[in-house]
Amino acid sequence: MAEQISPYNLDFRGKTVLVVGGSSGIGNGVAQAFRAAGAVTHVWGTREADEYRAEDGSDLTGLHYARVDVSDFEAVAELDLGFDRLDVLVTCQGTVAYNRKEFEIDTFRRIVDVNLNSVMACCMRVEPLLAKSAGNAVIFGSIAGLHASIGNPAYASSKAGTHMLVRTLGETWARYGIRINGIAPGLVDTKLTKVTTENEERLDLQLKKIPLRRIGTPHDMAGPTLFLASDLASFITGQVLVVDGGRLLA
C-alpha cells in the first residue's frame, strides 16, 4: 500500500519557496526550516554569499542564494528570478537606525524603502507565479508597528504599513487564489537587535515586559511561518499573527 501523507503536516516536498532577506537572522531561520521540510528554497540577500558569517546568524547550506538589492525597484521588476515556479514568498527584509537617525528625512526614506516599499515590489514581481500555483505569501512586520516605538519613527511606520499591506493584498489577491498573511515578531535575537540584547540593562528591562521571560529566536519565527504557508492555514488570509512571547499582553 502506498504511503499516505496526512493533510495535517508541514511537508513542503515539491514546493518552491523564496525568502527575501533569508541570508541571516529571522529570514535565515525561516529559510532553513523550509529546506528541512523538503522545499527547494531560494534566498535573496544584500551581500556576496561568502561575506556572510555564522556568528551573524547566517547559514546558507543547501539554499539557492542570489544577491539582490530589493530597494532598487526597477531592478526587482526586471530581475531574472532563476525559477519558473513559486509556491511561497516570505519577505523578511528589514533595517533600522538608532541615535535619532530616523528623524533625518533621508534615513527615514531609506528605511521605508527597504521595510515597506521593497515588500510591495517583491510581491508584484512574483504575483504571476503565485497565481499560477495558487500559492501564498508571509510578510514579516513587527510589534513595533502595533504600538509607539520611541526613537524609531521610520521603523515603526514602515512595519505598520506592512500590516496593512497584508490585509489589502489578502483581500485583493484572494480572487487569484493567493493567500497573504503576516507575522509581527517581538524582540528576537538577531544582529539588528544587538543594541538591546548586548546591553544587560536594556535586555533586563525588555524581559520584564515579556510574560514568557525570554526573547525570541529565528527558530521561534520559523514554525508560525511554515504553518501560515501550509495547507493547515488554507482558510486564513489577510491576518497578522503576533509572535512576541506575550509582550503586547503586558
Protein backbone atom coordinates (compact mmCIF):
# COMPACT_ATOMS: atom_id res chain seq x y z
CA MET A 1 0.00 0.00 0.00
CA ALA A 2 1.35 3.44 -0.93
CA GLU A 3 2.29 5.65 1.96
CA GLN A 4 -0.41 8.21 2.67
CA ILE A 5 0.67 11.66 3.72
CA SER A 6 -1.57 13.34 6.26
CA PRO A 7 -3.04 16.67 5.16
CA TYR A 8 -2.22 17.92 8.64
CA ASN A 9 1.51 18.27 8.28
CA LEU A 10 4.24 20.66 7.23
CA ASP A 11 5.58 18.73 4.26
CA PHE A 12 6.87 21.08 1.56
CA ARG A 13 8.39 18.50 -0.74
CA GLY A 14 7.84 19.53 -4.36
CA LYS A 15 7.34 23.17 -3.36
CA THR A 16 9.49 26.16 -4.28
CA VAL A 17 9.98 28.92 -1.68
CA LEU A 18 11.61 32.34 -1.91
CA VAL A 19 12.73 34.03 1.31
CA VAL A 20 13.68 37.65 0.75
CA GLY A 21 16.15 38.63 3.45
CA GLY A 22 16.86 34.94 4.01
CA SER A 23 20.60 35.36 4.32
CA SER A 24 20.68 35.95 8.08
CA GLY A 25 18.58 36.43 11.19
CA ILE A 26 14.89 35.59 11.14
CA GLY A 27 14.88 35.08 7.38
CA ASN A 28 17.71 32.59 7.51
CA GLY A 29 16.00 30.60 10.25
CA VAL A 30 12.82 30.53 8.19
CA ALA A 31 14.68 29.54 5.01
CA GLN A 32 16.45 26.65 6.71
CA ALA A 33 13.15 25.46 8.16
CA PHE A 34 11.59 25.32 4.70
CA ARG A 35 14.63 23.47 3.40
CA ALA A 36 14.35 20.95 6.23
CA ALA A 37 10.67 20.50 5.33
CA GLY A 38 11.65 19.50 1.80
CA ALA A 39 11.22 22.73 -0.15
CA VAL A 40 13.55 23.99 -2.84
CA THR A 41 14.46 27.22 -1.06
CA HIS A 42 15.79 30.37 -2.69
CA VAL A 43 17.04 33.30 -0.64
CA TRP A 44 17.91 36.88 -1.51
CA GLY A 45 20.43 38.93 0.42
CA THR A 46 22.37 42.15 0.04
CA ARG A 47 25.96 40.85 0.02
CA GLU A 48 28.06 38.26 -1.73
CA ALA A 49 27.46 34.79 -0.32
CA ASP A 50 30.99 34.40 1.08
CA GLU A 51 30.62 37.58 3.13
CA TYR A 52 28.05 36.04 5.48
CA ARG A 53 29.25 34.57 8.77
CA ALA A 54 27.73 32.04 11.16
CA GLU A 55 28.32 34.38 14.09
CA ASP A 56 25.94 36.84 12.40
CA GLY A 57 23.19 34.22 12.27
CA SER A 58 23.80 33.08 8.72
CA ASP A 59 23.82 29.56 7.27
CA LEU A 60 23.42 29.27 3.51
CA THR A 61 23.89 25.49 3.46
CA GLY A 62 21.51 23.90 0.96
CA LEU A 63 19.96 27.22 -0.04
CA HIS A 64 19.91 28.79 -3.50
CA TYR A 65 21.37 32.24 -2.87
CA ALA A 66 21.20 35.37 -5.02
CA ARG A 67 22.42 38.86 -4.29
CA VAL A 68 19.54 41.28 -4.88
CA ASP A 69 19.13 44.93 -3.88
CA VAL A 70 15.40 44.95 -3.21
CA SER A 71 15.41 48.72 -2.70
CA ASP A 72 16.17 49.06 -6.43
CA PHE A 73 12.56 48.60 -7.50
CA GLU A 74 13.23 48.76 -11.24
CA ALA A 75 15.89 46.07 -10.94
CA VAL A 76 13.50 43.85 -8.97
CA ALA A 77 10.80 44.29 -11.60
CA GLU A 78 13.19 43.22 -14.38
CA LEU A 79 15.05 40.54 -12.41
CA ASP A 80 15.60 37.09 -13.91
CA LEU A 81 14.30 35.03 -10.99
CA GLY A 82 16.10 31.83 -11.90
CA PHE A 83 12.97 29.73 -11.31
CA ASP A 84 9.65 29.40 -13.12
CA ARG A 85 7.54 28.09 -10.25
CA LEU A 86 6.89 29.65 -6.84
CA ASP A 87 4.60 28.34 -4.12
CA VAL A 88 5.58 30.53 -1.18
CA LEU A 89 7.05 34.02 -0.85
CA VAL A 90 8.38 35.14 2.53
CA THR A 91 9.55 38.73 2.94
CA CYS A 92 11.91 39.24 5.85
CA GLN A 93 13.95 42.22 4.67
CA GLY A 94 14.39 44.95 7.22
CA THR A 95 16.63 47.67 8.54
CA VAL A 96 16.64 50.14 11.40
CA ALA A 97 18.64 53.15 12.56
CA TYR A 98 19.43 54.32 16.07
CA ASN A 99 20.58 57.50 17.84
CA ARG A 100 17.68 59.51 16.38
CA LYS A 101 18.91 58.95 12.83
CA GLU A 102 15.36 58.06 11.79
CA PHE A 103 14.37 61.68 12.37
CA GLU A 104 16.52 62.62 9.37
CA ILE A 105 14.42 62.51 6.20
CA ASP A 106 17.00 60.69 4.06
CA THR A 107 17.30 57.93 6.66
CA PHE A 108 13.54 57.82 7.11
CA ARG A 109 13.06 57.40 3.36
CA ARG A 110 15.73 54.70 3.10
CA ILE A 111 14.20 52.61 5.88
CA VAL A 112 10.69 52.89 4.48
CA ASP A 113 12.01 51.88 1.06
CA VAL A 114 13.57 48.72 2.46
CA ASN A 115 10.97 47.77 5.05
CA LEU A 116 7.79 48.57 3.14
CA ASN A 117 8.18 49.66 -0.46
CA SER A 118 10.51 46.81 -1.36
CA VAL A 119 7.98 44.34 0.07
CA MET A 120 5.41 45.57 -2.42
CA ALA A 121 7.98 45.43 -5.21
CA CYS A 122 8.79 41.80 -4.39
CA CYS A 123 5.13 40.83 -4.15
CA MET A 124 4.38 42.40 -7.51
CA ARG A 125 7.36 40.69 -9.14
CA VAL A 126 6.23 37.18 -8.19
CA GLU A 127 2.43 37.63 -8.20
CA PRO A 128 2.01 35.87 -11.57
CA LEU A 129 3.88 32.81 -10.27
CA LEU A 130 1.89 32.72 -7.04
CA ALA A 131 -1.34 32.97 -9.01
CA LYS A 132 -0.24 30.11 -11.25
CA SER A 133 0.48 27.83 -8.27
CA ALA A 134 -2.34 29.12 -6.03
CA GLY A 135 0.45 29.98 -3.63
CA ASN A 136 0.79 32.32 -0.73
CA ALA A 137 3.00 34.91 0.92
CA VAL A 138 4.05 35.55 4.50
CA ILE A 139 5.07 39.15 5.14
CA PHE A 140 7.08 39.97 8.24
CA GLY A 141 6.15 43.10 10.12
CA SER A 142 6.83 43.78 13.80
CA ILE A 143 5.02 44.53 17.01
CA ALA A 144 6.74 47.92 16.61
CA GLY A 145 4.06 48.53 14.00
CA LEU A 146 1.35 47.93 16.59
CA HIS A 147 2.40 50.46 19.24
CA ALA A 148 4.53 53.58 19.54
CA SER A 149 8.26 52.98 19.17
CA ILE A 150 10.26 55.77 20.77
CA GLY A 151 13.17 56.88 18.63
CA ASN A 152 12.27 54.79 15.57
CA PRO A 153 9.50 56.54 13.60
CA ALA A 154 10.61 55.09 10.26
CA TYR A 155 10.84 51.53 11.51
CA ALA A 156 7.50 51.65 13.32
CA SER A 157 5.69 53.37 10.46
CA SER A 158 7.08 51.03 7.83
CA LYS A 159 6.17 47.93 9.84
CA ALA A 160 2.67 49.27 10.43
CA GLY A 161 2.49 49.69 6.67
CA THR A 162 3.35 46.04 6.08
CA HIS A 163 0.48 45.00 8.33
CA MET A 164 -1.99 46.97 6.21
CA LEU A 165 -0.36 45.62 3.07
CA VAL A 166 -1.13 42.11 4.35
CA ARG A 167 -4.79 43.00 4.80
CA THR A 168 -5.11 44.80 1.47
CA LEU A 169 -3.30 42.21 -0.64
CA GLY A 170 -5.07 39.46 1.28
CA GLU A 171 -8.42 40.78 0.08
CA THR A 172 -7.28 41.84 -3.39
CA TRP A 173 -5.38 38.71 -4.40
CA ALA A 174 -7.82 36.19 -2.92
CA ARG A 175 -9.64 36.25 -6.25
CA TYR A 176 -6.49 34.79 -7.83
CA GLY A 177 -6.25 32.03 -5.24
CA ILE A 178 -3.33 33.71 -3.43
CA ARG A 179 -3.31 33.89 0.36
CA ILE A 180 -1.40 36.71 2.08
CA ASN A 181 -0.63 36.63 5.80
CA GLY A 182 1.86 38.28 8.10
CA ILE A 183 3.86 37.80 11.26
CA ALA A 184 4.60 40.51 13.82
CA PRO A 185 7.60 39.35 15.88
CA GLY A 186 8.51 40.73 19.24
CA LEU A 187 12.12 41.01 20.37
CA VAL A 188 14.15 38.38 18.51
CA ASP A 189 17.87 37.71 18.93
CA THR A 190 19.41 38.91 15.63
CA LYS A 191 22.13 41.31 14.59
CA LEU A 192 19.52 44.08 14.28
CA THR A 193 18.63 43.79 17.97
CA LYS A 194 22.14 43.64 19.41
CA VAL A 195 21.75 47.21 20.65
CA THR A 196 19.33 45.65 23.16
CA THR A 197 20.45 42.06 23.56
CA GLU A 198 24.08 43.00 24.26
CA ASN A 199 23.14 45.68 26.79
CA GLU A 200 22.35 44.00 30.10
CA GLU A 201 20.25 46.86 31.45
CA ARG A 202 18.18 47.22 28.29
CA LEU A 203 17.72 43.48 27.95
CA ASP A 204 16.59 43.11 31.55
CA LEU A 205 14.05 45.89 31.04
CA GLN A 206 12.62 44.15 27.98
CA LEU A 207 12.50 40.74 29.63
CA LYS A 208 10.37 42.16 32.42
CA LYS A 209 7.80 43.15 29.78
CA ILE A 210 7.64 39.68 28.20
CA PRO A 211 5.42 37.21 30.11
CA LEU A 212 7.44 34.21 28.87
CA ARG A 213 10.56 35.93 30.26
CA ARG A 214 12.79 35.28 27.27
CA ILE A 215 13.48 36.81 23.90
CA GLY A 216 12.61 35.04 20.68
CA THR A 217 14.87 33.21 18.26
CA PRO A 218 14.71 32.83 14.48
CA HIS A 219 13.55 29.26 15.13
CA ASP A 220 10.56 30.64 17.06
CA MET A 221 9.54 32.53 13.91
CA ALA A 222 10.01 29.56 11.57
CA GLY A 223 7.21 27.40 12.97
CA PRO A 224 4.45 30.02 12.60
CA THR A 225 5.72 30.85 9.11
CA LEU A 226 5.53 27.25 7.93
CA PHE A 227 2.07 26.97 9.44
CA LEU A 228 0.77 30.04 7.60
CA ALA A 229 2.37 28.85 4.36
CA SER A 230 0.90 25.35 4.66
CA ASP A 231 -2.49 23.87 3.87
CA LEU A 232 -3.17 23.92 7.61
CA ALA A 233 -3.87 27.63 7.10
CA SER A 234 -5.80 27.25 3.85
CA PHE A 235 -8.76 29.28 5.18
CA ILE A 236 -6.63 32.08 6.62
CA THR A 237 -5.76 35.21 4.66
CA GLY A 238 -5.20 38.88 5.41
CA GLN A 239 -4.17 38.17 9.01
CA VAL A 240 -1.13 39.23 11.03
CA LEU A 241 -0.04 36.73 13.68
CA VAL A 242 1.69 38.25 16.70
CA VAL A 243 4.62 36.11 17.89
CA ASP A 244 6.09 38.00 20.82
CA GLY A 245 6.13 35.83 23.94
CA GLY A 246 3.11 37.75 25.22
CA ARG A 247 4.78 41.17 25.06
CA LEU A 248 1.66 43.01 23.89
CA LEU A 249 -0.37 41.50 26.73
CA ALA A 250 1.56 43.47 29.32
